């Protein structure tokens, strides 16, 4: 028997359900799926809309610009947990059917529990709210630093030099030091708030904080999320003593910090325990509901589909994120390596760029402005002109002087914001590269014919060049992680490239962007759009709960999800991948692209 929720989602009236939570910067989302992975309930709490007036937040956070601090009040998250559960209840969710739950949290953020926290969690009263019982006494510090925080440059420098170099730190921990990473944040917290640090009983990441509430005791940090701390040796699975000493302040204080951090959960699908009596009393959960370890938002995102080694996921939002599941361990300061959140022997490779959708939109708007006097019908935010120009411009703009095989390839970097890959300030740079001689020559800036108008800093060829630039950067840095693929059409072996490329985020709806992605990156089976709205992270958490509770002995996450995954429901092929000749031409451009980045770094880069 089926009914329909207030969201219009069909839901059977019986059968097991699994919950996944996504605690992000601006909202807390809760999702319920069936054993067959079908989404049946969802609800969210928007922090600004629901709590903005009470906590004074904007876009989910508070800021201290003088020190570069960005942080969120933990009490707000407590209120959000109760509120999202009420909204799920209003949506028709029967919590007694929930057999298991897990959650995801924005990576790197730290929550500082007081020494009373364990007792308070164990003795929660279902007649009172979480914030009333935990808000004042359960935390040694009221706020949690957000991933946008940039207050830790001094501490990052200390971490980068501690093991000799950023490259060595990346080799050991999977990443060089970053402002948002938990190790530098804990060091700064101890230095700025020494009394609060002394009052801290345990330190959670956002994901383990969320799970702790449902578990009724402080949950361990999981195997994937711990890799965003700059404290853990990924290959050995142990804390790095020297880095712990740096964060703790002295060798004598390392033991205390170890206690605060607790153990690391090695099994991403292990059962931590059953749900806290608080939720049984207040919401009607079954006392047998199992709690599965949470993980970070990025690790959880790759769990939203049965991502196989050599598959890539590209998130085309305001920023760009590139994710791969890989058995290869090849760390580098330019990107991140983390343990896979569920599968031993696999790692998660991650590239993060600040300049993604924003950079594309800047070029789009400038091109629309250039054409506006002769094409009044162009809407300011329309992609039509941008797409048309990008499609008719040949690969790498190789039609200069009237023939398409001219060796001078057009390359560029487009950074309206300071970038981290490579680490350079805001700016635009364009070069011509001769793939035969390897000569790399800067292009002059392009100006409008009307000197009375300010230069938009674009030329029509930029529509294609910016897309090629963004995808060439991904190809350059992921080249060592992909393997030869079998062409499903001809059964011949193709050069090393992804098997499939899955696109998510706002840019994934643009067919031109999808086609250029396939042309540059390849993809033996093509380019696909993962159409699950903004639910990838929450669904990944829910699927993790399904796997944790229902897996057979030895059954991997990928095997279980693959059996139940309805590709036709969520995935649509939107572009071809590998195109013989075109893909090879972009391969010839990689040396020039790498040289261009190094030239810009020499001229304007940051150390």
Protein backbone atom coordinates (compact mmCIF):
# COMPACT_ATOMS: atom_id res chain seq x y z
CA UNK A 1 0.00 0.00 0.00
CA UNK A 2 1.41 3.40 -0.98
CA UNK A 3 0.75 6.95 0.09
CA UNK A 4 2.20 10.28 -0.94
CA UNK A 5 4.27 12.61 1.26
CA UNK A 6 3.88 16.38 1.33
CA UNK A 7 6.87 16.53 -1.04
CA UNK A 8 4.99 14.46 -3.60
CA UNK A 9 7.22 11.42 -3.04
CA UNK A 10 5.45 8.07 -3.09
CA UNK A 11 6.05 6.08 0.09
CA UNK A 12 4.94 2.59 1.07
CA UNK A 13 3.26 2.38 4.43
CA UNK A 14 5.55 -0.35 5.77
CA UNK A 15 9.06 -1.71 5.37
CA UNK A 16 12.47 -0.66 6.62
CA UNK A 17 13.67 2.91 6.23
CA UNK A 18 17.13 4.46 6.60
CA UNK A 19 17.98 8.06 7.42
CA UNK A 20 20.82 10.18 6.09
CA UNK A 21 21.63 13.66 7.40
CA UNK A 22 23.68 16.38 5.74
CA UNK A 23 24.91 19.15 8.06
CA UNK A 24 26.34 21.83 5.78
CA UNK A 25 27.19 25.50 6.15
CA UNK A 26 23.71 26.83 5.40
CA UNK A 27 21.34 23.99 6.18
CA UNK A 28 20.64 20.65 7.80
CA UNK A 29 18.90 18.19 5.52
CA UNK A 30 17.33 14.88 6.49
CA UNK A 31 16.45 12.15 3.95
CA UNK A 32 14.76 8.77 4.29
CA UNK A 33 15.28 5.94 1.81
CA UNK A 34 13.97 2.40 1.52
CA UNK A 35 16.15 -0.69 1.34
CA UNK A 36 15.98 -0.40 -2.46
CA UNK A 37 17.51 3.13 -2.13
CA UNK A 38 14.31 4.87 -3.23
CA UNK A 39 13.93 8.30 -1.63
CA UNK A 40 10.64 8.54 0.28
CA UNK A 41 10.96 11.52 2.67
CA UNK A 42 13.04 14.66 2.88
CA UNK A 43 13.07 17.82 4.97
CA UNK A 44 15.51 20.62 5.64
CA UNK A 45 16.28 23.45 8.01
CA UNK A 46 17.61 26.63 6.44
CA UNK A 47 19.77 28.30 9.07
CA UNK A 48 19.29 31.86 7.85
CA UNK A 49 15.53 31.51 7.36
CA UNK A 50 14.89 29.56 10.55
CA UNK A 51 17.51 30.95 12.96
CA UNK A 52 19.03 34.05 11.36
CA UNK A 53 17.39 36.50 13.68
CA UNK A 54 18.16 34.54 16.83
CA UNK A 55 21.84 33.83 16.13
CA UNK A 56 22.75 36.81 13.93
CA UNK A 57 24.16 34.61 11.18
CA UNK A 58 24.43 35.32 7.47
CA UNK A 59 24.70 32.41 5.04
CA UNK A 60 24.91 30.11 8.03
CA UNK A 61 27.93 31.68 9.71
CA UNK A 62 29.29 34.48 11.85
CA UNK A 63 32.46 36.30 10.84
CA UNK A 64 35.33 38.22 12.38
CA UNK A 65 36.91 39.81 9.28
CA UNK A 66 39.80 41.38 11.19
CA UNK A 67 41.17 37.93 12.04
CA UNK A 68 39.70 36.08 9.05
CA UNK A 69 37.47 33.97 11.29
CA UNK A 70 34.34 32.25 10.00
CA UNK A 71 32.39 30.12 12.45
CA UNK A 72 28.96 28.85 13.45
CA UNK A 73 27.20 28.56 16.82
CA UNK A 74 26.91 24.90 17.82
CA UNK A 75 23.65 25.60 19.71
CA UNK A 76 22.03 26.45 16.36
CA UNK A 77 22.89 22.98 15.08
CA UNK A 78 21.27 21.43 18.17
CA UNK A 79 18.07 23.31 17.46
CA UNK A 80 18.25 22.28 13.79
CA UNK A 81 18.37 18.56 14.66
CA UNK A 82 15.11 18.76 16.62
CA UNK A 83 13.52 20.94 13.94
CA UNK A 84 14.44 18.74 10.97
CA UNK A 85 13.08 15.69 12.79
CA UNK A 86 9.79 17.49 13.44
CA UNK A 87 9.59 18.41 9.77
CA UNK A 88 10.25 14.84 8.71
CA UNK A 89 7.47 13.79 11.07
CA UNK A 90 5.17 16.37 9.50
CA UNK A 91 6.08 14.91 6.10
CA UNK A 92 4.61 11.62 7.26
CA UNK A 93 7.75 9.75 8.32
CA UNK A 94 7.06 6.98 10.84
CA UNK A 95 10.31 6.88 12.83
CA UNK A 96 9.47 3.42 14.21
CA UNK A 97 10.31 2.03 10.75
CA UNK A 98 13.84 3.45 10.74
CA UNK A 99 16.33 0.60 11.12
CA UNK A 100 19.50 2.67 10.80
CA UNK A 101 20.91 6.12 10.26
CA UNK A 102 24.13 7.89 9.38
CA UNK A 103 25.17 11.43 8.61
CA UNK A 104 27.62 13.70 6.86
CA UNK A 105 29.09 16.99 7.98
CA UNK A 106 31.09 19.72 6.32
CA UNK A 107 34.70 18.65 6.52
CA UNK A 108 37.38 19.99 8.86
CA UNK A 109 35.09 21.85 11.32
CA UNK A 110 35.78 21.06 14.98
CA UNK A 111 33.39 20.89 17.94
CA UNK A 112 34.85 21.21 21.43
CA UNK A 113 32.95 19.19 24.02
CA UNK A 114 33.18 19.92 27.74
CA UNK A 115 34.22 17.31 30.27
CA UNK A 116 30.56 17.00 31.29
CA UNK A 117 29.40 16.20 27.76
CA UNK A 118 29.38 12.40 28.00
CA UNK A 119 27.19 12.44 31.10
CA UNK A 120 24.84 15.01 29.58
CA UNK A 121 24.44 12.99 26.37
CA UNK A 122 23.68 9.81 28.32
CA UNK A 123 21.02 11.45 30.48
CA UNK A 124 19.00 13.37 27.89
CA UNK A 125 15.35 13.86 28.78
CA UNK A 126 12.96 13.27 25.88
CA UNK A 127 10.57 15.90 27.22
CA UNK A 128 13.12 18.70 26.71
CA UNK A 129 14.94 19.97 23.62
CA UNK A 130 18.56 19.24 22.80
CA UNK A 131 19.59 22.86 22.99
CA UNK A 132 18.04 23.30 26.44
CA UNK A 133 19.97 20.31 27.80
CA UNK A 134 23.26 20.63 25.93
CA UNK A 135 23.56 24.23 24.76
CA UNK A 136 25.10 25.76 27.87
CA UNK A 137 27.10 22.98 29.52
CA UNK A 138 28.09 20.40 26.90
CA UNK A 139 30.70 22.53 25.09
CA UNK A 140 33.91 24.16 26.24
CA UNK A 141 33.58 26.65 23.39
CA UNK A 142 30.27 27.77 21.85
CA UNK A 143 31.38 27.97 18.21
CA UNK A 144 32.78 25.71 15.49
CA UNK A 145 35.19 27.05 12.85
CA UNK A 146 33.78 26.82 9.33
CA UNK A 147 35.67 25.53 6.27
CA UNK A 148 35.76 29.13 4.96
CA UNK A 149 37.85 30.25 7.95
CA UNK A 150 41.18 31.83 6.96
CA UNK A 151 42.57 32.72 10.39
CA UNK A 152 45.26 30.05 10.59
CA UNK A 153 47.98 31.13 8.14
CA UNK A 154 50.60 31.22 10.91
CA UNK A 155 49.58 27.76 12.09
CA UNK A 156 49.56 26.42 8.53
CA UNK A 157 53.12 27.63 8.04
CA UNK A 158 54.08 25.74 11.19
CA UNK A 159 52.42 22.54 9.94
CA UNK A 160 53.96 22.84 6.46
CA UNK A 161 57.45 23.17 7.90
CA UNK A 162 57.05 20.64 10.72
CA UNK A 163 57.90 17.61 8.59
CA UNK A 164 60.27 19.52 6.34
CA UNK A 165 58.04 20.71 3.50
CA UNK A 166 54.43 20.91 2.29
CA UNK A 167 55.20 17.97 -0.01
CA UNK A 168 56.25 15.78 2.92
CA UNK A 169 53.18 16.81 4.93
CA UNK A 170 51.03 15.81 1.93
CA UNK A 171 52.89 12.50 1.59
CA UNK A 172 52.19 11.66 5.22
CA UNK A 173 48.72 13.11 5.82
CA UNK A 174 47.29 13.31 2.28
CA UNK A 175 47.31 17.13 2.07
CA UNK A 176 49.54 20.09 2.70
CA UNK A 177 48.33 22.48 5.40
CA UNK A 178 45.15 24.41 4.68
CA UNK A 179 43.45 27.12 6.71
CA UNK A 180 40.34 25.01 7.22
CA UNK A 181 42.08 21.80 8.27
CA UNK A 182 41.47 20.68 11.84
CA UNK A 183 45.08 20.38 12.98
CA UNK A 184 45.96 24.04 12.38
CA UNK A 185 42.53 25.00 13.77
CA UNK A 186 43.11 23.05 17.00
CA UNK A 187 46.56 24.63 17.37
CA UNK A 188 45.11 28.12 17.00
CA UNK A 189 42.24 27.30 19.39
CA UNK A 190 44.71 26.18 22.05
CA UNK A 191 46.76 29.34 21.56
CA UNK A 192 43.84 31.79 21.51
CA UNK A 193 41.61 30.10 24.10
CA UNK A 194 43.96 28.21 26.47
CA UNK A 195 41.39 27.94 29.27
CA UNK A 196 38.72 26.63 26.87
CA UNK A 197 41.20 24.08 25.56
CA UNK A 198 41.92 22.89 29.10
CA UNK A 199 38.17 22.55 29.73
CA UNK A 200 37.76 20.44 26.57
CA UNK A 201 37.04 16.78 27.21
CA UNK A 202 36.72 15.64 23.59
CA UNK A 203 37.10 17.09 20.11
CA UNK A 204 34.71 16.00 17.36
CA UNK A 205 34.55 16.78 13.69
CA UNK A 206 31.16 18.00 12.47
CA UNK A 207 30.21 14.53 11.22
CA UNK A 208 31.08 12.76 14.48
CA UNK A 209 29.38 15.55 16.48
CA UNK A 210 26.15 14.89 14.60
CA UNK A 211 26.38 11.12 15.14
CA UNK A 212 27.16 11.65 18.83
CA UNK A 213 23.76 13.26 19.36
CA UNK A 214 21.94 10.24 17.95
CA UNK A 215 24.23 7.75 19.70
CA UNK A 216 23.90 9.34 23.14
CA UNK A 217 27.66 9.35 23.66
CA UNK A 218 30.62 10.87 21.84
CA UNK A 219 31.14 8.99 18.60
CA UNK A 220 34.55 8.25 17.11
CA UNK A 221 35.84 10.17 14.11
CA UNK A 222 35.58 8.02 10.99
CA UNK A 223 38.28 6.67 8.71
CA UNK A 224 37.51 9.14 5.88
CA UNK A 225 36.88 12.40 7.72
CA UNK A 226 40.02 12.08 9.86
CA UNK A 227 42.08 12.67 6.71
CA UNK A 228 41.01 16.33 6.68
CA UNK A 229 42.94 17.11 9.86
CA UNK A 230 46.67 17.16 8.88
CA UNK A 231 47.30 14.95 11.93
CA UNK A 232 46.85 11.37 10.75
CA UNK A 233 49.31 9.19 8.83
CA UNK A 234 47.01 7.75 6.20
CA UNK A 235 49.21 4.89 5.08
CA UNK A 236 49.97 3.60 8.59
CA UNK A 237 46.60 4.44 10.14
CA UNK A 238 48.21 6.14 13.15
CA UNK A 239 48.51 9.65 14.52
CA UNK A 240 51.75 11.39 13.59
CA UNK A 241 53.59 12.06 16.82
CA UNK A 242 55.39 15.18 15.61
CA UNK A 243 52.20 16.79 14.34
CA UNK A 244 50.33 15.91 17.54
CA UNK A 245 53.18 17.50 19.50
CA UNK A 246 52.87 20.66 17.41
CA UNK A 247 49.12 20.90 17.96
CA UNK A 248 49.38 20.02 21.66
CA UNK A 249 52.25 22.41 22.40
CA UNK A 250 54.80 19.97 23.85
CA UNK A 251 55.61 16.25 24.07
CA UNK A 252 54.16 16.18 27.58
CA UNK A 253 50.74 17.27 26.28
CA UNK A 254 50.43 14.75 23.44
CA UNK A 255 48.66 12.18 25.62
CA UNK A 256 46.02 14.74 26.59
CA UNK A 257 45.35 15.59 22.94
CA UNK A 258 45.11 11.90 22.05
CA UNK A 259 42.42 11.54 24.69
CA UNK A 260 40.54 14.54 23.35
CA UNK A 261 40.61 13.14 19.80
CA UNK A 262 39.60 9.62 20.83
CA UNK A 263 39.86 6.48 18.72
CA UNK A 264 39.33 6.37 14.96
CA UNK A 265 36.63 4.06 13.62
CA UNK A 266 38.23 1.88 10.96
CA UNK A 267 35.00 0.27 9.70
CA UNK A 268 32.84 2.76 7.80
CA UNK A 269 29.86 0.42 8.05
CA UNK A 270 30.32 -0.80 11.59
CA UNK A 271 27.45 -0.47 14.06
CA UNK A 272 28.38 2.01 16.79
CA UNK A 273 25.34 1.14 18.88
CA UNK A 274 21.63 1.81 19.03
CA UNK A 275 19.88 5.15 19.08
CA UNK A 276 19.74 7.31 22.22
CA UNK A 277 16.57 6.84 24.33
CA UNK A 278 15.97 10.58 23.83
CA UNK A 279 14.89 9.99 20.23
CA UNK A 280 12.86 6.90 21.14
CA UNK A 281 10.83 8.90 23.65
CA UNK A 282 10.55 12.16 21.75
CA UNK A 283 10.05 10.95 18.17
CA UNK A 284 9.07 7.29 18.38
CA UNK A 285 12.22 5.70 16.98
CA UNK A 286 12.60 1.99 17.55
CA UNK A 287 15.04 1.31 20.36
CA UNK A 288 16.79 -1.09 17.97
CA UNK A 289 17.62 1.61 15.37
CA UNK A 290 21.31 1.20 14.52
CA UNK A 291 23.80 4.07 14.33
CA UNK A 292 26.38 3.85 11.53
CA UNK A 293 29.51 6.10 11.55
CA UNK A 294 29.17 9.46 9.82
CA UNK A 295 31.72 10.93 7.44
CA UNK A 296 32.63 14.22 5.77
CA UNK A 297 30.51 15.86 3.10
CA UNK A 298 32.95 15.15 0.27
CA UNK A 299 33.49 11.47 1.17
CA UNK A 300 29.72 11.11 1.53
CA UNK A 301 29.14 12.61 -1.91
CA UNK A 302 31.06 9.83 -3.64
CA UNK A 303 28.74 7.34 -1.91
CA UNK A 304 25.71 8.73 -3.75
CA UNK A 305 26.26 6.27 -6.58
CA UNK A 306 28.30 3.08 -7.09
CA UNK A 307 31.42 4.99 -8.13
CA UNK A 308 34.02 2.56 -9.45
CA UNK A 309 37.78 3.03 -9.68
CA UNK A 310 38.54 5.17 -12.75
CA UNK A 311 35.11 6.83 -12.53
CA UNK A 312 35.21 10.58 -11.85
CA UNK A 313 32.66 12.92 -10.32
CA UNK A 314 32.87 16.61 -11.23
CA UNK A 315 30.84 19.08 -9.18
CA UNK A 316 30.22 22.22 -11.24
CA UNK A 317 28.99 24.70 -8.69
CA UNK A 318 30.28 28.11 -7.64
CA UNK A 319 33.51 26.27 -7.03
CA UNK A 320 34.65 23.13 -8.84
CA UNK A 321 35.34 19.84 -7.06
CA UNK A 322 36.76 16.76 -8.75
CA UNK A 323 36.42 13.42 -6.96
CA UNK A 324 37.71 9.97 -7.83
CA UNK A 325 37.79 6.65 -6.06
CA UNK A 326 41.17 5.07 -6.72
CA UNK A 327 43.44 2.29 -5.41
CA UNK A 328 46.46 4.48 -6.27
CA UNK A 329 48.22 6.41 -3.51
CA UNK A 330 49.89 9.41 -5.16
CA UNK A 331 49.66 12.41 -2.81
CA UNK A 332 50.75 15.88 -3.86
CA UNK A 333 50.49 19.37 -2.28
CA UNK A 334 48.21 20.46 -5.15
CA UNK A 335 45.36 18.17 -4.13
CA UNK A 336 43.95 15.94 -1.41
CA UNK A 337 44.12 12.22 -0.78
CA UNK A 338 41.80 10.67 1.81
CA UNK A 339 40.79 7.21 2.90
CA UNK A 340 37.68 5.98 1.14
CA UNK A 341 34.86 6.21 3.72
CA UNK A 342 33.68 2.61 3.26
CA UNK A 343 36.13 0.50 1.26
CA UNK A 344 39.56 -0.57 2.51
CA UNK A 345 42.23 -0.35 -0.16
CA UNK A 346 40.60 2.58 -1.94
CA UNK A 347 41.37 6.26 -1.57
CA UNK A 348 39.42 9.36 -2.42
CA UNK A 349 41.29 11.79 -4.65
CA UNK A 350 39.95 15.33 -4.43
CA UNK A 351 40.72 18.56 -6.26
CA UNK A 352 39.10 21.79 -5.09
CA UNK A 353 39.04 25.04 -7.06
CA UNK A 354 37.62 28.33 -5.81
CA UNK A 355 37.05 29.56 -9.37
CA UNK A 356 34.40 27.44 -11.04
CA UNK A 357 30.94 28.68 -11.92
CA UNK A 358 31.75 32.23 -10.88
CA UNK A 359 34.61 32.44 -13.38
CA UNK A 360 32.43 31.03 -16.18
CA UNK A 361 29.69 33.51 -15.35
CA UNK A 362 32.13 36.43 -15.48
CA UNK A 363 33.09 35.54 -19.06
CA UNK A 364 29.45 34.90 -19.98
CA UNK A 365 28.33 38.29 -18.66
CA UNK A 366 31.18 40.15 -20.36
CA UNK A 367 30.42 38.51 -23.71
CA UNK A 368 26.72 39.32 -23.37
CA UNK A 369 27.64 42.94 -22.59
CA UNK A 370 29.86 43.12 -25.68
CA UNK A 371 27.01 41.90 -27.88
CA UNK A 372 24.25 43.90 -26.18
CA UNK A 373 24.33 46.92 -28.57
CA UNK A 374 23.68 44.67 -31.59
CA UNK A 375 21.60 41.98 -29.89
CA UNK A 376 19.16 43.63 -27.55
CA UNK A 377 17.31 40.34 -27.10
CA UNK A 378 20.17 38.75 -25.14
CA UNK A 379 19.19 38.33 -21.50
CA UNK A 380 22.02 39.42 -19.17
CA UNK A 381 22.34 35.96 -17.57
CA UNK A 382 21.68 33.89 -20.70
CA UNK A 383 24.15 31.19 -21.68
CA UNK A 384 23.01 31.13 -25.31
CA UNK A 385 25.72 33.38 -26.73
CA UNK A 386 28.47 31.87 -24.57
CA UNK A 387 27.47 28.36 -25.63
CA UNK A 388 27.21 29.25 -29.31
CA UNK A 389 30.66 30.82 -29.36
CA UNK A 390 32.21 27.94 -27.42
CA UNK A 391 30.69 25.40 -29.82
CA UNK A 392 31.84 27.13 -33.02
CA UNK A 393 35.36 27.89 -31.78
CA UNK A 394 37.65 24.98 -32.74
CA UNK A 395 39.60 23.09 -30.05
CA UNK A 396 42.26 25.31 -28.51
CA UNK A 397 41.26 28.08 -30.95
CA UNK A 398 43.55 26.59 -33.59
CA UNK A 399 42.21 28.50 -36.59
CA UNK A 400 44.49 31.51 -36.43
CA UNK A 401 45.71 32.69 -39.86
CA UNK A 402 42.92 30.73 -41.55
CA UNK A 403 43.83 27.10 -41.01
CA UNK A 404 42.77 24.74 -38.27
CA UNK A 405 46.01 22.80 -37.80
CA UNK A 406 48.07 25.83 -36.75
CA UNK A 407 50.39 24.67 -33.93
CA UNK A 408 49.68 27.68 -31.69
CA UNK A 409 47.21 26.50 -29.07
CA UNK A 410 45.32 29.07 -27.03
CA UNK A 411 45.48 28.54 -23.26
CA UNK A 412 44.28 30.63 -20.35
CA UNK A 413 43.72 31.00 -16.61
CA UNK A 414 40.58 32.80 -15.36
CA UNK A 415 40.56 33.57 -11.65
CA UNK A 416 38.17 36.31 -10.44
CA UNK A 417 39.04 35.09 -6.94
CA UNK A 418 42.44 34.09 -5.56
CA UNK A 419 43.01 30.46 -6.45
CA UNK A 420 44.60 27.60 -4.55
CA UNK A 421 45.27 25.32 -7.57
CA UNK A 422 47.65 26.94 -8.51
CA UNK A 423 48.17 29.26 -5.55
CA UNK A 424 47.93 32.65 -7.28
CA UNK A 425 46.02 35.91 -6.72
CA UNK A 426 43.01 36.94 -8.74
CA UNK A 427 43.70 37.66 -12.40
CA UNK A 428 43.45 36.54 -16.03
CA UNK A 429 46.27 35.22 -18.18
CA UNK A 430 46.28 33.96 -21.77
CA UNK A 431 49.07 32.30 -23.71
CA UNK A 432 49.74 30.79 -27.13
CA UNK A 433 51.56 27.46 -27.07
CA UNK A 434 53.39 25.78 -29.95
CA UNK A 435 53.19 22.05 -29.31
CA UNK A 436 55.98 21.38 -31.82
CA UNK A 437 58.58 23.81 -30.44
CA UNK A 438 57.07 24.07 -26.91
CA UNK A 439 57.28 27.85 -27.16
CA UNK A 440 54.88 29.61 -24.78
CA UNK A 441 54.06 33.25 -25.53
CA UNK A 442 51.73 35.54 -23.52
CA UNK A 443 48.82 37.13 -25.37
CA UNK A 444 48.11 40.86 -24.97
CA UNK A 445 44.97 41.88 -23.12
CA UNK A 446 41.94 42.31 -25.36
CA UNK A 447 40.23 45.71 -25.46
CA UNK A 448 36.95 46.91 -26.93
CA UNK A 449 37.00 49.06 -30.09
CA UNK A 450 35.23 51.83 -28.18
CA UNK A 451 37.91 53.38 -25.99
CA UNK A 452 35.25 55.26 -24.01
CA UNK A 453 34.06 51.99 -22.47
CA UNK A 454 35.96 49.99 -19.88
CA UNK A 455 37.53 46.81 -21.17
CA UNK A 456 35.64 43.67 -20.19
CA UNK A 457 38.92 41.77 -20.45
CA UNK A 458 37.44 39.15 -22.75
CA UNK A 459 37.48 38.13 -26.37
CA UNK A 460 34.94 35.72 -27.91
CA UNK A 461 37.44 32.85 -27.89
CA UNK A 462 37.42 33.01 -24.09
CA UNK A 463 34.08 31.18 -24.05
CA UNK A 464 35.81 27.98 -25.13
CA UNK A 465 39.19 28.69 -23.58
CA UNK A 466 37.83 29.04 -20.03
CA UNK A 467 36.07 25.68 -20.27
CA UNK A 468 39.14 24.02 -21.75
CA UNK A 469 41.27 25.61 -19.05
CA UNK A 470 39.18 24.25 -16.21
CA UNK A 471 39.06 20.74 -17.63
CA UNK A 472 42.74 20.69 -18.67
CA UNK A 473 43.65 21.44 -15.06
CA UNK A 474 41.61 18.43 -13.93
CA UNK A 475 43.18 16.20 -16.59
CA UNK A 476 46.71 17.35 -15.78
CA UNK A 477 46.38 16.52 -12.10
CA UNK A 478 44.43 13.28 -12.42
CA UNK A 479 46.48 11.78 -15.27
CA UNK A 480 48.46 9.47 -13.02
CA UNK A 481 45.35 7.97 -11.44
CA UNK A 482 43.49 6.71 -14.51
CA UNK A 483 44.03 3.47 -16.40
CA UNK A 484 43.53 2.31 -19.99
CA UNK A 485 39.86 1.67 -20.71
CA UNK A 486 37.99 -0.68 -23.01
CA UNK A 487 35.99 1.07 -25.72
CA UNK A 488 32.46 -0.40 -25.39
CA UNK A 489 31.78 0.24 -29.08
CA UNK A 490 34.87 -1.30 -30.66
CA UNK A 491 36.30 -3.39 -27.78
CA UNK A 492 39.73 -1.87 -28.41
CA UNK A 493 41.85 -0.52 -25.60
CA UNK A 494 41.79 3.27 -25.20
CA UNK A 495 44.51 5.43 -23.61
CA UNK A 496 44.35 6.04 -19.84
CA UNK A 497 41.26 8.12 -18.98
CA UNK A 498 38.16 7.90 -16.77
CA UNK A 499 35.64 5.16 -17.50
CA UNK A 500 32.70 7.43 -16.76
CA UNK A 501 32.44 11.09 -15.80
CA UNK A 502 29.49 12.02 -13.60
CA UNK A 503 28.51 15.69 -13.47
CA UNK A 504 26.64 17.27 -10.55
CA UNK A 505 25.89 20.87 -9.61
CA UNK A 506 24.37 23.77 -11.53
CA UNK A 507 26.81 23.64 -14.43
CA UNK A 508 25.90 20.02 -15.17
CA UNK A 509 22.68 21.20 -16.87
CA UNK A 510 24.65 23.02 -19.58
CA UNK A 511 25.04 20.72 -22.61
CA UNK A 512 27.98 22.70 -24.01
CA UNK A 513 29.91 22.39 -20.77
CA UNK A 514 29.19 18.65 -20.69
CA UNK A 515 30.43 18.19 -24.28
CA UNK A 516 33.65 20.13 -23.62
CA UNK A 517 34.19 18.11 -20.45
CA UNK A 518 34.07 14.87 -22.45
CA UNK A 519 36.25 16.26 -25.22
CA UNK A 520 39.04 17.20 -22.80
CA UNK A 521 38.79 14.54 -20.08
CA UNK A 522 37.59 11.66 -22.23
CA UNK A 523 35.44 8.97 -20.67
CA UNK A 524 35.29 5.64 -22.47
CA UNK A 525 31.59 5.25 -21.70
CA UNK A 526 30.73 8.94 -21.84
CA UNK A 527 29.64 11.85 -19.66
CA UNK A 528 26.63 11.44 -17.39
CA UNK A 529 24.55 13.79 -15.31
CA UNK A 530 23.69 12.64 -11.80
CA UNK A 531 20.23 14.13 -11.34
CA UNK A 532 19.56 13.99 -7.61
CA UNK A 533 19.16 17.70 -6.94
CA UNK A 534 21.20 18.87 -3.98
CA UNK A 535 20.82 15.52 -2.24
CA UNK A 536 24.09 13.75 -3.13
CA UNK A 537 25.66 14.17 0.30
CA UNK A 538 22.54 13.21 2.27
CA UNK A 539 21.80 10.25 0.02
CA UNK A 540 25.38 9.05 0.41
CA UNK A 541 24.85 9.04 4.18
CA UNK A 542 21.53 7.18 3.86
CA UNK A 543 23.07 4.58 1.52
CA UNK A 544 25.89 4.14 4.03
CA UNK A 545 23.29 3.33 6.68
CA UNK A 546 21.62 0.77 4.38
CA UNK A 547 24.98 -0.89 3.75
CA UNK A 548 25.97 -0.85 7.43
CA UNK A 549 22.80 -2.59 8.57
CA UNK A 550 22.00 -4.91 5.64
CA UNK A 551 25.39 -5.94 4.21
CA UNK A 552 26.29 -9.59 4.00
CA UNK A 553 29.60 -10.79 5.38
CA UNK A 554 32.36 -9.42 3.16
CA UNK A 555 29.97 -7.46 0.95
CA UNK A 556 31.49 -4.13 -0.07
CA UNK A 557 29.57 -0.89 -0.25
CA UNK A 558 30.02 -0.81 -4.03
CA UNK A 559 28.66 -4.35 -4.43
CA UNK A 560 25.55 -3.74 -2.35
CA UNK A 561 24.71 -0.38 -3.88
CA UNK A 562 25.36 -1.61 -7.42
CA UNK A 563 22.77 -4.39 -6.95
CA UNK A 564 20.10 -1.91 -5.80
CA UNK A 565 21.01 1.18 -7.80
CA UNK A 566 18.42 2.15 -10.42
CA UNK A 567 20.60 3.98 -12.90
CA UNK A 568 17.64 4.96 -15.09
CA UNK A 569 16.13 6.89 -12.19
CA UNK A 570 19.13 9.08 -11.41
CA UNK A 571 21.63 9.02 -14.28
CA UNK A 572 21.34 10.35 -17.82
CA UNK A 573 24.04 10.27 -20.47
CA UNK A 574 24.51 13.86 -21.62
CA UNK A 575 27.62 13.76 -23.83
CA UNK A 576 30.11 11.50 -25.52
CA UNK A 577 33.46 11.11 -23.85
CA UNK A 578 36.56 10.07 -25.74
CA UNK A 579 36.79 11.42 -29.30
CA UNK A 580 39.77 10.08 -31.19
CA UNK A 581 42.06 12.86 -32.38
CA UNK A 582 40.42 15.55 -30.27
CA UNK A 583 41.39 13.93 -26.96
CA UNK A 584 44.96 13.46 -28.22
CA UNK A 585 45.16 17.12 -29.26
CA UNK A 586 44.22 18.19 -25.76
CA UNK A 587 46.88 15.79 -24.50
CA UNK A 588 49.47 17.72 -26.50
CA UNK A 589 48.29 20.91 -24.78
CA UNK A 590 48.97 19.57 -21.27
CA UNK A 591 52.69 20.38 -21.36
CA UNK A 592 51.92 23.93 -22.41
CA UNK A 593 49.20 24.26 -19.76
CA UNK A 594 51.59 23.10 -17.06
CA UNK A 595 54.20 25.55 -18.36
CA UNK A 596 51.67 28.40 -18.34
CA UNK A 597 50.76 27.72 -14.69
CA UNK A 598 54.42 27.68 -13.72
CA UNK A 599 55.08 30.92 -15.62
CA UNK A 600 52.21 32.65 -13.81
CA UNK A 601 53.38 31.27 -10.48
CA UNK A 602 56.87 32.66 -11.07
CA UNK A 603 55.47 36.08 -11.85
CA UNK A 604 52.66 36.52 -9.35
CA UNK A 605 52.32 33.33 -7.30
CA UNK A 606 52.23 33.08 -3.54
CA UNK A 607 54.71 30.95 -1.67
